[in-house]
Every structure is written in C-alpha cells, then in structure tokens.
N, C-alpha and C. Protein backbone atom coordinates (compact mmCIF):
# COMPACT_ATOMS: atom_id res chain seq x y z
N MET A 1 -7.54 -6.20 42.66
CA MET A 1 -7.87 -6.61 41.36
C MET A 1 -7.55 -5.50 40.27
N SER A 2 -6.98 -5.89 39.19
CA SER A 2 -6.73 -5.04 38.16
C SER A 2 -7.61 -5.43 37.00
N PHE A 3 -7.97 -4.23 36.42
CA PHE A 3 -8.87 -4.26 35.14
C PHE A 3 -8.15 -3.91 33.94
N TYR A 4 -8.28 -4.35 32.83
CA TYR A 4 -7.68 -3.96 31.60
C TYR A 4 -8.85 -3.71 30.63
N SER A 5 -8.55 -2.63 29.99
CA SER A 5 -9.35 -2.29 28.82
C SER A 5 -8.64 -2.42 27.52
N ILE A 6 -9.45 -2.98 26.58
CA ILE A 6 -9.16 -3.21 25.25
C ILE A 6 -9.39 -2.10 24.43
N ASP A 7 -8.48 -1.42 23.66
CA ASP A 7 -8.78 -0.34 22.57
C ASP A 7 -9.66 -0.85 21.74
N PRO A 8 -10.85 -0.14 21.62
CA PRO A 8 -11.87 -0.54 20.60
C PRO A 8 -11.33 -0.60 19.16
N ALA A 9 -10.46 0.16 18.74
CA ALA A 9 -9.86 0.23 17.50
C ALA A 9 -9.16 -1.25 17.36
N ILE A 10 -8.48 -1.82 18.32
CA ILE A 10 -7.89 -3.12 18.07
C ILE A 10 -8.91 -4.17 17.63
N LEU A 11 -9.99 -4.04 18.39
CA LEU A 11 -11.14 -5.00 18.05
C LEU A 11 -11.70 -4.91 16.69
N LEU A 12 -11.82 -3.66 16.19
CA LEU A 12 -12.30 -3.33 14.83
C LEU A 12 -11.27 -3.92 13.71
N PHE A 13 -10.01 -3.76 13.99
CA PHE A 13 -8.86 -4.16 12.96
C PHE A 13 -8.96 -5.74 13.04
N ASP A 14 -9.15 -6.21 14.23
CA ASP A 14 -9.14 -7.73 14.46
C ASP A 14 -10.33 -8.24 13.54
N ALA A 15 -11.55 -7.60 13.84
CA ALA A 15 -12.73 -8.18 13.08
C ALA A 15 -12.61 -7.94 11.58
N ALA A 16 -11.99 -6.85 11.12
CA ALA A 16 -11.74 -6.80 9.58
C ALA A 16 -10.74 -7.93 9.18
N ARG A 17 -9.69 -8.23 9.95
CA ARG A 17 -8.64 -9.14 9.66
C ARG A 17 -9.37 -10.61 9.47
N LYS A 18 -10.38 -10.82 10.39
CA LYS A 18 -11.01 -12.23 10.45
C LYS A 18 -12.13 -12.23 9.55
N GLY A 19 -12.62 -11.19 9.10
CA GLY A 19 -13.92 -11.09 8.29
C GLY A 19 -15.08 -11.21 9.05
N ASP A 20 -15.10 -10.63 10.30
CA ASP A 20 -16.22 -10.81 11.26
C ASP A 20 -17.09 -9.60 10.97
N THR A 21 -18.08 -9.89 9.90
CA THR A 21 -18.94 -8.87 9.28
C THR A 21 -20.02 -8.58 10.26
N GLU A 22 -20.45 -9.57 11.13
CA GLU A 22 -21.54 -9.14 12.18
C GLU A 22 -21.01 -8.20 13.01
N TYR A 23 -19.80 -8.33 13.65
CA TYR A 23 -19.31 -7.41 14.64
C TYR A 23 -19.19 -5.97 14.00
N LEU A 24 -18.72 -5.95 12.78
CA LEU A 24 -18.47 -4.66 12.27
C LEU A 24 -19.69 -4.01 11.82
N LYS A 25 -20.80 -4.75 11.39
CA LYS A 25 -22.04 -4.27 11.13
C LYS A 25 -22.54 -3.52 12.51
N GLN A 26 -22.37 -4.24 13.58
CA GLN A 26 -22.92 -3.74 14.87
C GLN A 26 -22.25 -2.23 15.17
N GLN A 27 -20.86 -2.33 14.86
CA GLN A 27 -20.11 -1.16 15.07
C GLN A 27 -20.50 0.16 14.22
N ILE A 28 -20.69 -0.35 12.92
CA ILE A 28 -21.23 0.70 11.96
C ILE A 28 -22.55 1.27 12.45
N GLU A 29 -23.57 0.40 12.82
CA GLU A 29 -24.78 0.86 13.33
C GLU A 29 -24.66 1.68 14.59
N ALA A 30 -23.63 1.61 15.34
CA ALA A 30 -23.38 2.27 16.61
C ALA A 30 -22.63 3.63 16.15
N GLY A 31 -22.18 3.85 15.04
CA GLY A 31 -21.80 5.08 14.59
C GLY A 31 -20.24 5.25 14.54
N THR A 32 -19.60 4.04 14.57
CA THR A 32 -18.11 3.85 14.73
C THR A 32 -17.48 4.52 13.36
N ASP A 33 -16.35 5.23 13.42
CA ASP A 33 -15.78 5.75 12.27
C ASP A 33 -15.06 4.56 11.62
N ILE A 34 -15.41 4.25 10.38
CA ILE A 34 -14.86 3.11 9.67
C ILE A 34 -13.68 3.30 8.86
N ASN A 35 -13.30 4.61 8.87
CA ASN A 35 -12.18 5.08 7.96
C ASN A 35 -11.01 5.34 8.91
N ILE A 36 -11.02 4.76 10.02
CA ILE A 36 -9.86 4.91 11.08
C ILE A 36 -8.64 4.14 10.37
N GLN A 37 -7.36 4.70 10.75
CA GLN A 37 -6.26 4.08 10.35
C GLN A 37 -5.35 3.72 11.46
N ASP A 38 -4.79 2.46 11.43
CA ASP A 38 -3.84 2.09 12.37
C ASP A 38 -2.53 2.74 12.20
N ALA A 39 -1.56 2.37 12.91
CA ALA A 39 -0.23 2.99 12.98
C ALA A 39 0.49 2.89 11.66
N LYS A 40 0.18 1.91 10.87
CA LYS A 40 0.92 1.76 9.55
C LYS A 40 -0.02 2.40 8.41
N GLY A 41 -1.22 3.00 8.85
CA GLY A 41 -2.10 3.59 7.82
C GLY A 41 -3.11 2.87 7.36
N PHE A 42 -3.11 1.48 7.69
CA PHE A 42 -4.10 0.56 7.37
C PHE A 42 -5.50 1.03 7.67
N THR A 43 -6.37 0.90 6.75
CA THR A 43 -7.91 1.02 7.04
C THR A 43 -8.57 -0.32 7.32
N LEU A 44 -9.77 -0.39 7.85
CA LEU A 44 -10.41 -1.71 7.82
C LEU A 44 -10.72 -2.27 6.46
N LEU A 45 -10.93 -1.36 5.59
CA LEU A 45 -11.17 -1.79 4.16
C LEU A 45 -9.93 -2.47 3.59
N ILE A 46 -8.93 -1.79 3.75
CA ILE A 46 -7.72 -2.39 3.10
C ILE A 46 -7.30 -3.84 3.76
N ILE A 47 -7.45 -3.88 4.99
CA ILE A 47 -7.34 -5.30 5.66
C ILE A 47 -8.19 -6.16 5.25
N ALA A 48 -9.63 -5.92 5.21
CA ALA A 48 -10.51 -6.86 4.83
C ALA A 48 -10.26 -7.29 3.54
N ALA A 49 -10.02 -6.39 2.59
CA ALA A 49 -9.86 -6.77 1.32
C ALA A 49 -8.69 -7.57 0.96
N TYR A 50 -7.49 -7.18 1.75
CA TYR A 50 -6.32 -7.79 1.57
C TYR A 50 -6.28 -9.28 2.21
N ASP A 51 -7.18 -9.44 3.11
CA ASP A 51 -7.33 -10.76 3.73
C ASP A 51 -8.38 -11.50 3.07
N GLY A 52 -8.89 -10.98 1.86
CA GLY A 52 -9.77 -11.82 1.12
C GLY A 52 -11.27 -12.09 1.58
N HIS A 53 -11.70 -11.08 2.36
CA HIS A 53 -13.20 -11.19 2.79
C HIS A 53 -14.02 -10.41 2.02
N LEU A 54 -14.64 -10.92 1.02
CA LEU A 54 -15.57 -10.32 0.07
C LEU A 54 -16.66 -9.53 0.82
N GLU A 55 -17.46 -10.26 1.68
CA GLU A 55 -18.63 -9.82 2.37
C GLU A 55 -18.24 -8.65 3.25
N THR A 56 -17.19 -8.82 3.88
CA THR A 56 -16.84 -7.72 4.85
C THR A 56 -16.34 -6.48 4.11
N THR A 57 -15.75 -6.76 3.04
CA THR A 57 -15.31 -5.51 2.21
C THR A 57 -16.55 -4.81 1.51
N ARG A 58 -17.54 -5.78 1.12
CA ARG A 58 -18.82 -5.20 0.61
C ARG A 58 -19.56 -4.22 1.70
N LEU A 59 -19.67 -4.86 2.95
CA LEU A 59 -20.24 -4.09 4.09
C LEU A 59 -19.47 -2.78 4.28
N LEU A 60 -18.33 -2.68 4.26
CA LEU A 60 -17.44 -1.42 4.52
C LEU A 60 -17.74 -0.52 3.42
N LEU A 61 -17.71 -1.03 2.27
CA LEU A 61 -17.96 -0.17 1.11
C LEU A 61 -19.44 0.41 1.19
N ASP A 62 -20.39 -0.37 1.61
CA ASP A 62 -21.87 0.06 1.64
C ASP A 62 -21.81 1.11 2.83
N ALA A 63 -21.08 1.09 3.96
CA ALA A 63 -21.01 2.09 4.96
C ALA A 63 -20.11 3.27 4.57
N ASN A 64 -19.84 3.43 3.26
CA ASN A 64 -18.95 4.55 2.88
C ASN A 64 -17.47 4.56 3.32
N ALA A 65 -16.97 3.39 3.34
CA ALA A 65 -15.49 3.21 3.51
C ALA A 65 -14.78 3.99 2.28
N ASP A 66 -13.54 4.70 2.47
CA ASP A 66 -12.93 5.36 1.40
C ASP A 66 -12.20 4.25 0.58
N VAL A 67 -12.75 3.93 -0.63
CA VAL A 67 -12.31 3.02 -1.47
C VAL A 67 -10.82 3.38 -1.92
N ASN A 68 -10.42 4.55 -1.84
CA ASN A 68 -9.07 4.93 -2.42
C ASN A 68 -8.17 5.36 -1.29
N ALA A 69 -8.55 4.96 0.03
CA ALA A 69 -7.68 5.25 1.09
C ALA A 69 -6.22 4.59 0.94
N GLN A 70 -5.25 5.25 1.38
CA GLN A 70 -3.81 4.73 1.11
C GLN A 70 -3.21 4.60 2.53
N ASP A 71 -2.44 3.42 2.63
CA ASP A 71 -1.63 3.30 3.92
C ASP A 71 -0.58 4.15 3.84
N ALA A 72 0.33 3.83 4.85
CA ALA A 72 1.58 4.80 4.94
C ALA A 72 2.49 4.63 3.81
N SER A 73 2.48 3.58 3.00
CA SER A 73 3.35 3.40 1.89
C SER A 73 2.62 3.74 0.61
N GLY A 74 1.31 4.19 0.92
CA GLY A 74 0.58 4.76 -0.36
C GLY A 74 -0.30 3.48 -0.91
N ASN A 75 -0.31 2.25 -0.45
CA ASN A 75 -0.94 1.33 -1.09
C ASN A 75 -2.44 1.24 -0.73
N THR A 76 -3.27 0.94 -1.74
CA THR A 76 -4.76 0.86 -1.58
C THR A 76 -5.25 -0.56 -1.44
N ALA A 77 -6.64 -0.75 -1.18
CA ALA A 77 -7.12 -2.04 -1.14
C ALA A 77 -7.02 -2.77 -2.54
N LEU A 78 -7.16 -1.84 -3.62
CA LEU A 78 -7.09 -2.36 -4.85
C LEU A 78 -5.55 -3.08 -5.12
N MET A 79 -4.67 -2.35 -4.84
CA MET A 79 -3.28 -2.72 -4.88
C MET A 79 -3.06 -4.10 -4.20
N GLY A 80 -3.56 -4.11 -2.88
CA GLY A 80 -3.53 -5.48 -2.07
C GLY A 80 -4.18 -6.64 -2.73
N VAL A 81 -5.35 -6.47 -3.26
CA VAL A 81 -6.00 -7.57 -3.87
C VAL A 81 -5.41 -7.89 -5.30
N SER A 82 -4.70 -7.02 -5.80
CA SER A 82 -4.03 -7.29 -6.99
C SER A 82 -2.84 -8.07 -6.78
N PHE A 83 -2.15 -7.78 -5.56
CA PHE A 83 -0.99 -8.60 -5.09
C PHE A 83 -1.55 -9.87 -4.82
N LYS A 84 -2.46 -10.05 -4.14
CA LYS A 84 -3.01 -11.35 -3.53
C LYS A 84 -3.85 -12.22 -4.57
N GLY A 85 -4.37 -11.51 -5.65
CA GLY A 85 -4.99 -12.35 -6.75
C GLY A 85 -6.67 -12.45 -6.52
N TYR A 86 -7.09 -11.61 -5.70
CA TYR A 86 -8.57 -11.68 -5.39
C TYR A 86 -9.40 -10.91 -6.50
N ALA A 87 -9.67 -11.56 -7.48
CA ALA A 87 -10.32 -10.90 -8.66
C ALA A 87 -11.82 -10.44 -8.16
N GLU A 88 -12.55 -11.24 -7.51
CA GLU A 88 -13.89 -10.90 -7.35
C GLU A 88 -13.92 -9.58 -6.47
N ILE A 89 -13.16 -9.57 -5.44
CA ILE A 89 -12.98 -8.32 -4.66
C ILE A 89 -12.37 -7.23 -5.42
N ALA A 90 -11.51 -7.32 -6.34
CA ALA A 90 -10.90 -6.23 -7.21
C ALA A 90 -12.14 -5.68 -8.08
N GLN A 91 -13.08 -6.62 -8.46
CA GLN A 91 -14.21 -6.14 -9.44
C GLN A 91 -15.04 -5.31 -8.62
N LEU A 92 -15.34 -5.73 -7.30
CA LEU A 92 -16.18 -4.88 -6.39
C LEU A 92 -15.55 -3.55 -6.12
N LEU A 93 -14.21 -3.45 -5.82
CA LEU A 93 -13.53 -2.23 -5.61
C LEU A 93 -13.66 -1.39 -6.80
N LEU A 94 -13.43 -1.90 -7.94
CA LEU A 94 -13.53 -1.23 -9.24
C LEU A 94 -14.97 -0.56 -9.42
N GLU A 95 -15.86 -1.35 -9.13
CA GLU A 95 -17.34 -1.05 -9.43
C GLU A 95 -17.63 0.10 -8.46
N ARG A 96 -16.92 0.13 -7.26
CA ARG A 96 -17.26 1.18 -6.19
C ARG A 96 -16.36 2.35 -6.39
N GLY A 97 -15.55 2.49 -7.49
CA GLY A 97 -15.04 3.80 -7.73
C GLY A 97 -13.38 3.65 -7.36
N ALA A 98 -12.95 2.50 -7.10
CA ALA A 98 -11.37 2.45 -7.07
C ALA A 98 -10.53 3.06 -8.01
N ASP A 99 -9.63 3.94 -7.81
CA ASP A 99 -8.79 4.48 -8.86
C ASP A 99 -7.77 3.46 -9.30
N VAL A 100 -8.05 2.99 -10.60
CA VAL A 100 -7.26 1.86 -11.08
C VAL A 100 -5.81 2.34 -11.45
N ASN A 101 -5.51 3.60 -11.42
CA ASN A 101 -4.12 4.16 -11.71
C ASN A 101 -3.58 4.78 -10.60
N ARG A 102 -4.10 4.67 -9.51
CA ARG A 102 -3.41 5.33 -8.29
C ARG A 102 -2.08 4.67 -8.01
N GLN A 103 -1.15 5.51 -7.65
CA GLN A 103 0.18 5.07 -7.42
C GLN A 103 0.63 5.11 -5.94
N ASN A 104 1.51 4.17 -5.53
CA ASN A 104 1.85 4.32 -4.23
C ASN A 104 3.12 5.08 -4.06
N GLY A 105 3.84 5.01 -2.95
CA GLY A 105 4.98 5.88 -2.63
C GLY A 105 6.11 5.54 -3.64
N ASN A 106 6.19 4.20 -4.11
CA ASN A 106 7.16 3.95 -5.13
C ASN A 106 6.83 3.95 -6.55
N GLY A 107 5.51 4.61 -6.72
CA GLY A 107 5.07 4.70 -8.11
C GLY A 107 4.37 3.44 -8.62
N GLY A 108 4.32 2.33 -7.82
CA GLY A 108 3.71 1.29 -8.15
C GLY A 108 2.13 1.33 -8.36
N THR A 109 1.48 0.57 -9.28
CA THR A 109 0.08 0.45 -9.52
C THR A 109 -0.39 -0.97 -9.22
N ALA A 110 -1.79 -0.92 -9.23
CA ALA A 110 -2.45 -2.16 -9.11
C ALA A 110 -1.97 -3.10 -10.12
N LEU A 111 -1.97 -2.55 -11.60
CA LEU A 111 -1.53 -3.37 -12.66
C LEU A 111 -0.11 -3.93 -12.54
N MET A 112 0.77 -3.09 -11.93
CA MET A 112 2.15 -3.58 -11.79
C MET A 112 2.17 -4.66 -10.73
N PHE A 113 1.47 -4.56 -9.62
CA PHE A 113 1.39 -5.75 -8.64
C PHE A 113 0.83 -6.90 -9.31
N ALA A 114 -0.26 -6.89 -10.03
CA ALA A 114 -0.75 -8.03 -10.72
C ALA A 114 0.10 -8.62 -11.64
N THR A 115 0.89 -7.86 -12.39
CA THR A 115 1.80 -8.40 -13.43
C THR A 115 3.02 -9.20 -12.67
N MET A 116 3.45 -8.45 -11.67
CA MET A 116 4.64 -8.88 -10.77
C MET A 116 4.45 -10.34 -10.19
N PHE A 117 3.23 -10.45 -9.73
CA PHE A 117 2.84 -11.76 -9.05
C PHE A 117 1.99 -12.84 -10.02
N GLY A 118 2.04 -12.47 -11.26
CA GLY A 118 1.36 -13.53 -12.17
C GLY A 118 0.02 -13.54 -12.05
N ARG A 119 -0.71 -12.62 -11.59
CA ARG A 119 -2.19 -12.52 -11.42
C ARG A 119 -2.80 -12.04 -12.83
N ASN A 120 -2.66 -12.96 -13.70
CA ASN A 120 -3.03 -12.37 -15.06
C ASN A 120 -4.52 -12.17 -15.23
N GLN A 121 -5.33 -12.93 -14.51
CA GLN A 121 -6.73 -12.70 -14.64
C GLN A 121 -7.05 -11.10 -14.17
N LEU A 122 -6.28 -10.74 -13.33
CA LEU A 122 -6.45 -9.30 -12.78
C LEU A 122 -5.85 -8.40 -13.65
N VAL A 123 -4.77 -8.69 -14.45
CA VAL A 123 -4.13 -7.88 -15.40
C VAL A 123 -5.15 -7.49 -16.41
N ARG A 124 -5.94 -8.56 -16.82
CA ARG A 124 -6.99 -8.21 -17.79
C ARG A 124 -8.03 -7.41 -17.32
N LEU A 125 -8.45 -7.72 -15.96
CA LEU A 125 -9.60 -6.97 -15.36
C LEU A 125 -9.22 -5.38 -15.19
N LEU A 126 -7.97 -5.23 -14.77
CA LEU A 126 -7.47 -3.87 -14.52
C LEU A 126 -7.42 -3.03 -15.97
N LEU A 127 -7.03 -3.76 -16.89
CA LEU A 127 -6.95 -3.08 -18.32
C LEU A 127 -8.23 -2.82 -18.74
N GLU A 128 -9.22 -3.78 -18.49
CA GLU A 128 -10.60 -3.55 -18.86
C GLU A 128 -11.22 -2.29 -18.20
N HIS A 129 -10.65 -1.91 -17.11
CA HIS A 129 -11.20 -0.84 -16.20
C HIS A 129 -10.39 0.45 -16.38
N GLY A 130 -9.42 0.45 -17.53
CA GLY A 130 -8.86 1.60 -17.70
C GLY A 130 -7.41 1.86 -17.21
N ALA A 131 -6.79 0.77 -16.68
CA ALA A 131 -5.58 0.73 -16.22
C ALA A 131 -4.43 1.19 -17.16
N ASP A 132 -3.61 2.25 -16.90
CA ASP A 132 -2.71 2.73 -17.89
C ASP A 132 -1.48 1.95 -17.84
N ARG A 133 -1.14 1.27 -18.82
CA ARG A 133 0.07 0.23 -19.10
C ARG A 133 1.27 1.04 -19.18
N TYR A 134 1.11 2.31 -19.40
CA TYR A 134 2.30 3.16 -19.65
C TYR A 134 2.96 3.79 -18.44
N ILE A 135 2.15 3.76 -17.29
CA ILE A 135 2.59 4.59 -16.08
C ILE A 135 3.93 3.86 -15.66
N ARG A 136 4.91 4.77 -15.19
CA ARG A 136 6.16 4.27 -14.73
C ARG A 136 6.38 4.37 -13.20
N ASP A 137 6.97 3.42 -12.63
CA ASP A 137 7.19 3.61 -11.23
C ASP A 137 8.52 4.46 -10.96
N LEU A 138 8.95 4.64 -9.76
CA LEU A 138 10.19 5.51 -9.57
C LEU A 138 11.45 4.89 -10.12
N ARG A 139 11.40 3.60 -10.49
CA ARG A 139 12.66 3.07 -11.11
C ARG A 139 12.45 3.33 -12.58
N GLY A 140 11.41 3.92 -13.12
CA GLY A 140 11.25 4.07 -14.51
C GLY A 140 10.57 2.92 -15.18
N GLN A 141 10.13 1.84 -14.53
CA GLN A 141 9.61 0.70 -15.14
C GLN A 141 8.10 0.77 -15.28
N THR A 142 7.57 0.07 -16.38
CA THR A 142 6.22 0.01 -16.69
C THR A 142 5.85 -1.34 -16.21
N ALA A 143 4.40 -1.74 -16.44
CA ALA A 143 3.93 -3.03 -16.03
C ALA A 143 4.66 -4.08 -17.03
N HIS A 144 4.74 -3.61 -18.41
CA HIS A 144 5.40 -4.45 -19.34
C HIS A 144 6.86 -4.77 -18.89
N ASP A 145 7.54 -3.89 -18.48
CA ASP A 145 8.91 -3.97 -18.13
C ASP A 145 8.95 -5.13 -16.87
N ILE A 146 8.04 -4.92 -16.06
CA ILE A 146 8.02 -5.86 -14.93
C ILE A 146 7.66 -7.32 -15.31
N ALA A 147 6.65 -7.42 -16.27
CA ALA A 147 6.34 -8.72 -16.87
C ALA A 147 7.52 -9.28 -17.51
N MET A 148 8.29 -8.64 -18.25
CA MET A 148 9.56 -9.11 -18.81
C MET A 148 10.48 -9.65 -17.84
N MET A 149 10.80 -8.95 -16.79
CA MET A 149 11.69 -9.34 -15.57
C MET A 149 11.20 -10.54 -14.98
N GLN A 150 9.88 -10.66 -14.84
CA GLN A 150 9.29 -11.78 -14.24
C GLN A 150 9.12 -13.10 -15.02
N GLY A 151 9.33 -12.91 -16.44
CA GLY A 151 9.27 -13.86 -17.34
C GLY A 151 7.80 -14.23 -17.56
N ASN A 152 6.95 -13.37 -17.42
CA ASN A 152 5.56 -13.60 -17.38
C ASN A 152 4.92 -13.44 -18.67
N GLU A 153 5.10 -14.63 -19.72
CA GLU A 153 4.78 -14.35 -21.02
C GLU A 153 3.34 -13.94 -21.19
N GLU A 154 2.40 -14.62 -20.55
CA GLU A 154 0.99 -14.39 -20.44
C GLU A 154 0.70 -12.81 -20.47
N ALA A 155 1.28 -12.33 -19.33
CA ALA A 155 1.07 -10.84 -19.11
C ALA A 155 1.68 -9.99 -20.26
N LEU A 156 2.73 -10.55 -20.93
CA LEU A 156 3.47 -9.77 -22.01
C LEU A 156 2.36 -9.82 -23.10
N THR A 157 1.81 -10.77 -23.27
CA THR A 157 0.72 -10.91 -24.41
C THR A 157 -0.40 -10.14 -24.12
N ILE A 158 -0.95 -10.07 -22.93
CA ILE A 158 -2.11 -9.25 -22.47
C ILE A 158 -1.74 -7.62 -22.73
N LEU A 159 -0.47 -7.45 -22.22
CA LEU A 159 -0.15 -6.12 -22.07
C LEU A 159 0.14 -5.53 -23.57
C-alpha cells in the first residue's frame, strides 16, 4: 500500500483561491505562516484578493498578512484587484495600508491597471487615496497615456 502526503502549502493556496475562510482561520489559529509565497511569489493575500474573496482577504489582513507583498513580477494584491475591478476589496486594502503608488517590475501601478482595463470606479478610488497620476512605467507611460491608448474617455476626464 502506498501513502501520499499533500504539501500543506498547497492546501493553503487552494483555500485562498476558493475563499475557504474557515480552513484558513483554523490554520491561522494553529500558527501557520500566512505570508508564505508559492513558486511565482504569490501570497495567500494576493490570491484571495485577486479571486475576489472579500472576507478571506479581511481574515488574512486581520492576521497580519503583508498588504504590500509583491509576487515575482512585483505585483501586489492592490494591483490585482485594480486589474479585476474589485472596488470593495481595493478599499479594504487601502484602509489597511496598501501602498497606492507601489510599482511592479515593469513600473506599472494599480492606477495604470485600473486605467488600462476600464475600471474607472477604481481610478477614482485610487486617486482619492493619493495615487500619483504622473508616475511613469518602464516604457515612459503614465496612467493618462494608457487611458489615451485604450480610448478610455472617462478615465481621461477623471485623470
């Protein structure tokens, strides 16, 4: 008979992906390191936020997850929700200290992602929280330049 063991980290990342707050709560109470990263640098918080799980995101933040952790490409949870359009999670991350002007490996910011993908409610929210509209990515582009390229008239007005 053969026995297989599952890496506990796989179960944690799966729970974050599915929004399994109860499982993660049990693991946090057991002293599990919630700031672990997978091979691509993703943290539980980045995954939970990116997949739109507000309560799981809140649980992880309450357990002192690093709100500004970056994956291997330099992306943060705030960048992920700005790309996806999850304004309520973005608000929570910002309230918990997310760096609104953090740049990824390509110089991109949450504001640039929100602008690029037409997440105009997030463009407003990020600006209200001090997003710098003049930051340039590695190609020299600002959020305004990106809005022009995308034909995002509303973002151009907001910016």
